[in-house]
Amino acid sequence: MTSKTKYIKTYKDTKISDPMIYEIIADKDNTESTVIIDAEENSKSEIIIIYRSKENYNIEYKAQCTINAENNSFVKVTKINLMNDSIHFEDVNESFIKDEAECLFSLIDIGAQTSSVKYSGNLEGRNSKNEIKSIYIGSAEKKINNDYECIHRGAKSSSDISVRGALAENAVKKFKGTIDFRRGCSGSKGAEDEYCMLLSDKARSIALPILLCEEEDVSGAHSASSGKIDESKIFYLMSRGLGYNEARKLIVKSQFNEVIDEINDSDLIEEIIREIDRRLDDDR
């Protein structure tokens, strides 16, 4: 077993316009990885990390990522899970966000047999911002466990958690989202919203949104819901010439567009869409 550590640094006052793309390949000899991202003061950067697996090994893989966003920096991190369907994937992430800094964390969770993702955002600075956008799809017997939290410590900090997913066949998803207002974070705002589309009567969605508060002058909102596809939308699309399965896929993918369309790599977007289509086709 080997563990690899990758350090990514954006230096002070540096603005990088193109995304930095890294691929991490899992196999029986590579079952752990660590990524450390340092965004120095007044920098701007975008990092895309793609997780793949070489062969159809039934292994456990653990990924870790730490993001340090210094004063007045902007860093966007997108993680894409394209593992094969035999992998048990654990992904642990944390960010530390200073004064006037912004961290955007996006997750596209498609692959693996089981997927467990933990994200902890620490809004330490005044006017710090943390936005989490997550999409997932579960098919066959996939198990998904998402645990996201934003901890507000800095005054006038803001967070937003937005999660969209779809479950087919016997897939199961558990979601826990926490917005935690600590003493001293007056003037802060936080919101979380999770929606799961159920494509099968056997699929199960469990959601637990949580608000914690030690400070009076804050604003928090949370919601979580699930439901089936609106059949009237399918019939409308079919009346426009689409088949049933194509109409269903179009509706499912429409709720993922906000995250997928923000990827600055057309080839990668096409691959993600193909993988989503393949899993929805397998569910027919």
Foldseek 3Di string as FASTA:
>chain_A
DDEEEAEAEDDALEEDDAAAEEEDEDDPVYAEYEYEYEYDANYEYEYEYEYEYDDLDQEEHEYEYEEEWYALYEYEYEYEYPYAANYAYEYEYEYEWEANYEYEYEYEAEHYQEYEYEYEYEDAYAQYEYEYEYEYEEEDAHEYEYEYEYEAQYAQYEYEAEYEYEYFDQYEYEEEYEYAYDPHHANYEYEYEYEYEYPDPNYYYHYHYYYHDDDDRYYYYYDYYYYYDDVVQQVVVVVVPDDSLVSVLVVRCVVVCVPLVPRPDVVVSVVSSVSSSVRSVVRD
